[in-house]
Each structure stands twice: as C-alpha cells, then as structure tokens.
Protein backbone atom coordinates (compact mmCIF):
# COMPACT_ATOMS: atom_id res chain seq x y z
CA MET A 1 110.01 82.75 19.96
CA LYS A 2 107.77 85.81 20.02
CA LYS A 3 109.05 89.06 18.55
CA ASP A 4 108.56 90.86 21.83
CA LEU A 5 109.87 94.22 22.88
CA PHE A 6 109.93 96.29 26.07
CA ILE A 7 109.41 100.01 25.47
CA ASP A 8 110.23 102.31 28.37
CA THR A 9 107.89 105.22 29.03
CA ASN A 10 110.54 107.72 27.95
CA ILE A 11 110.39 106.12 24.46
CA ALA A 12 106.63 105.49 24.42
CA LYS A 13 105.86 109.19 24.61
CA ASN A 14 107.70 109.59 21.27
CA LEU A 15 105.33 107.10 19.69
CA SER A 16 102.16 109.07 20.41
CA ASN A 17 102.87 111.47 17.57
CA PRO A 18 106.07 110.25 15.90
CA LEU A 19 107.84 113.01 14.02
CA ASP A 20 110.96 110.92 13.50
CA GLU A 21 110.92 108.43 10.60
CA GLU A 22 112.44 105.64 12.71
CA TYR A 23 109.71 106.01 15.33
CA ARG A 24 107.10 105.92 12.55
CA LYS A 25 108.60 102.63 11.37
CA LEU A 26 108.41 101.26 14.91
CA VAL A 27 104.75 102.26 15.22
CA LYS A 28 103.99 100.69 11.84
CA TRP A 29 105.69 97.47 12.96
CA LEU A 30 103.70 97.44 16.20
CA TYR A 31 100.40 97.90 14.35
CA TYR A 32 100.99 95.49 11.48
CA TYR A 33 99.14 92.22 12.01
CA ASP A 34 97.17 89.82 9.85
CA PRO A 35 94.48 88.23 12.03
CA ASN A 36 94.04 85.45 9.44
CA ASP A 37 97.68 84.40 9.88
CA THR A 38 97.24 82.79 13.30
CA ALA A 39 99.83 80.09 12.53
CA ASN A 40 102.52 82.79 12.41
CA LYS A 41 101.27 85.01 15.22
CA ASP A 42 104.66 84.95 16.99
CA ASN A 43 106.27 86.59 13.95
CA TYR A 44 104.29 89.80 14.55
CA ALA A 45 105.16 92.45 17.11
CA HIS A 46 104.42 91.74 20.76
CA LEU A 47 104.86 94.27 23.53
CA VAL A 48 106.00 93.08 26.94
CA VAL A 49 104.62 95.10 29.87
CA SER A 50 103.67 95.00 33.51
CA LYS A 51 100.66 96.54 35.22
CA LYS A 52 102.92 99.25 36.61
CA LEU A 53 104.28 100.08 33.15
CA LEU A 54 100.75 100.29 31.75
CA ILE A 55 99.92 102.84 34.45
CA GLU A 56 103.03 104.84 33.53
CA TYR A 57 101.93 104.79 29.89
CA THR A 58 98.51 106.21 30.81
CA LYS A 59 100.15 109.10 32.66
CA THR A 60 102.77 110.14 30.11
CA ALA A 61 101.94 108.53 26.78
CA THR A 62 98.15 108.62 26.64
CA ARG A 63 97.73 108.29 22.89
CA PHE A 64 100.27 105.46 22.75
CA TYR A 65 98.34 103.73 25.51
CA ASN A 66 94.90 104.35 24.04
CA ASP A 67 95.79 103.42 20.48
CA ILE A 68 98.67 100.97 20.28
CA ILE A 69 98.22 99.18 23.60
CA ALA A 70 94.50 98.74 23.00
CA GLU A 71 95.16 97.27 19.55
CA LEU A 72 97.84 94.87 20.78
CA GLN A 73 95.65 93.79 23.67
CA LYS A 74 92.68 93.16 21.37
CA GLU A 75 94.85 91.03 19.09
CA GLY A 76 96.47 89.08 21.92
CA ARG A 77 99.90 90.61 21.30
CA LEU A 78 100.34 92.25 24.69
CA ILE A 79 102.44 90.12 27.04
CA THR A 80 101.83 91.13 30.64
CA ILE A 81 104.32 89.99 33.25
CA SER A 82 102.34 89.62 36.46
CA ASN A 83 103.19 91.24 39.79
CA GLN A 84 103.78 87.75 41.20
CA GLU A 85 106.26 86.89 38.41
CA ILE A 86 108.11 90.14 39.11
CA LYS A 87 108.18 89.45 42.84
CA ASP A 88 109.38 85.86 42.30
CA PHE A 89 112.13 87.04 39.96
CA GLN A 90 113.29 89.67 42.44
CA GLN A 91 113.35 87.17 45.30
CA GLU A 92 115.48 84.80 43.23
CA HIS A 93 117.82 87.24 41.49
CA PHE A 94 117.94 90.47 43.54
CA THR A 95 120.51 89.48 46.13
CA LYS A 96 122.01 92.13 48.40
CA THR A 97 125.05 92.25 46.12
CA VAL A 98 122.89 92.76 43.04
CA GLU A 99 120.81 95.43 44.78
CA LYS A 100 123.95 97.38 45.69
CA LYS A 101 125.15 97.36 42.08
CA LEU A 102 121.86 98.58 40.58
CA GLN A 103 121.99 102.22 39.51
CA CYS A 104 118.45 102.77 38.27
CA ASN A 105 115.62 104.29 40.29
CA GLN A 106 113.19 102.21 42.35
CA GLU A 107 110.48 102.22 39.67
CA ASP A 108 112.87 100.86 37.06
CA LYS A 109 113.95 98.07 39.41
CA GLU A 110 110.46 96.67 38.89
CA HIS A 111 110.92 96.89 35.12
CA ILE A 112 114.14 94.85 35.10
CA PRO A 113 112.28 91.52 35.59
CA VAL A 114 109.80 92.47 32.84
CA VAL A 115 112.63 92.71 30.32
CA LEU A 116 114.53 89.70 31.63
CA LEU A 117 111.44 87.47 31.63
CA SER A 118 110.61 88.33 28.02
CA ASP A 119 111.49 85.99 25.15
CA ARG A 120 114.00 88.14 23.28
CA LYS A 121 115.07 90.47 26.10
CA TYR A 122 114.96 93.51 23.81
CA ALA A 123 114.37 96.95 25.28
CA LEU A 124 114.19 100.56 24.16
CA THR A 125 115.02 103.21 26.76
CA ASN A 126 116.69 106.61 27.02
CA ASP A 127 117.62 105.99 30.67
CA ASN A 128 121.37 105.31 30.86
CA LYS A 129 121.25 103.83 34.37
CA PHE A 130 118.40 101.47 33.52
CA LYS A 131 120.19 100.50 30.28
CA SER A 132 123.41 99.77 32.17
CA ASP A 133 121.62 97.68 34.81
CA LEU A 134 119.94 95.57 32.13
CA GLU A 135 123.09 95.06 30.10
CA ASN A 136 125.15 94.12 33.16
CA PHE A 137 122.62 91.88 34.91
CA SER A 138 124.46 88.62 35.55
CA GLY A 139 123.21 85.50 33.80
CA PHE A 140 121.17 87.27 31.12
CA THR A 141 121.93 88.51 27.63
CA VAL A 142 119.93 91.64 26.93
CA ARG A 143 119.81 93.97 23.95
CA VAL A 144 119.05 97.56 24.98
CA GLU A 145 119.17 100.59 22.71
CA LYS A 146 118.12 104.22 22.80
CA ARG A 147 116.93 104.32 19.18
CA PRO A 148 114.69 101.83 17.35
CA GLU A 149 116.94 101.55 14.28
CA LEU A 150 119.79 100.28 16.48
CA LEU A 151 117.77 97.40 17.92
CA GLU A 152 116.90 95.28 14.87
CA TYR A 153 113.51 94.64 16.48
CA LYS A 154 111.91 93.36 13.26
CA ASP A 155 114.18 90.31 13.00
C-alpha cells in the first residue's frame, strides 16, 4: 500500500513557506526519497490529486505547486485520479440521498472521490464540512485531520 495523502488547498498554502514545525516536518516527509530504493518506493510519500486540485494549487499555493508537486511528479510519486474515475465514482456512489446529505461546496464534491479512491484514504483539510462529508461517507473508512501531527501520515 502506498503512503498516499490528500492535501486540501487550504493546507497546501501553509506548505509554501512553512513557519510551523509540524508543517516543516510534513514538507520534509514529502520531499524525502531515495531514487536508488525502487523496491521500497511505496514506503515514501505519495500525493493523491486530481487535475482540478492541481489547478487550485497553482492559484493559491504556487510555491507548493512549483516545488513539491514538480518533485513528486518527476519521481513518480504523484497519484492523479482521472476525471473519468471521479465521474464513475460519483455515478456509482452519489445517489440522491447521498447528495442531499453532503454539506461541502460543489468544488469539494469533486475532491471526495479523490480521497476515497486513494490507498490509505488520508486527508488534511481545514474545511469542517468537507471533513464531515469524508468521515461520514457510507462504506468507506477515512482519516481526516486539520493538522499534520494528528494524522500519523508517516506510518
């Protein structure tokens, strides 16, 4: 299982110039990779994203996007959930009942499948409604936190 993580834009902007020690640790974890250790590649950080999330990163977290995303992409540690995978997930799981229960905004509704299709289903977000929707999505066990030190992302 890959050590993947979804980072919402409202967290990513804190990673561009991390003043907080816990965010520095997260950035260090994201960067750390030994290219000679290909047999254990899954044990290094992977970031799970969608095309839409990458666009959000470019608008609000430019340095994060330019530095960290570029590095992860170069090393093959960026997991991109395709638009088709998102659409297929929504068609299967977003029933009318589910749609009525969702509290998050329309943009975040497209991020729900990204998290739920990831290996570990770990997410960092400061958005309470998005967090609640992820944690309460039927049939999935998700770990969502507001702070990196609460997530145990390294394990």
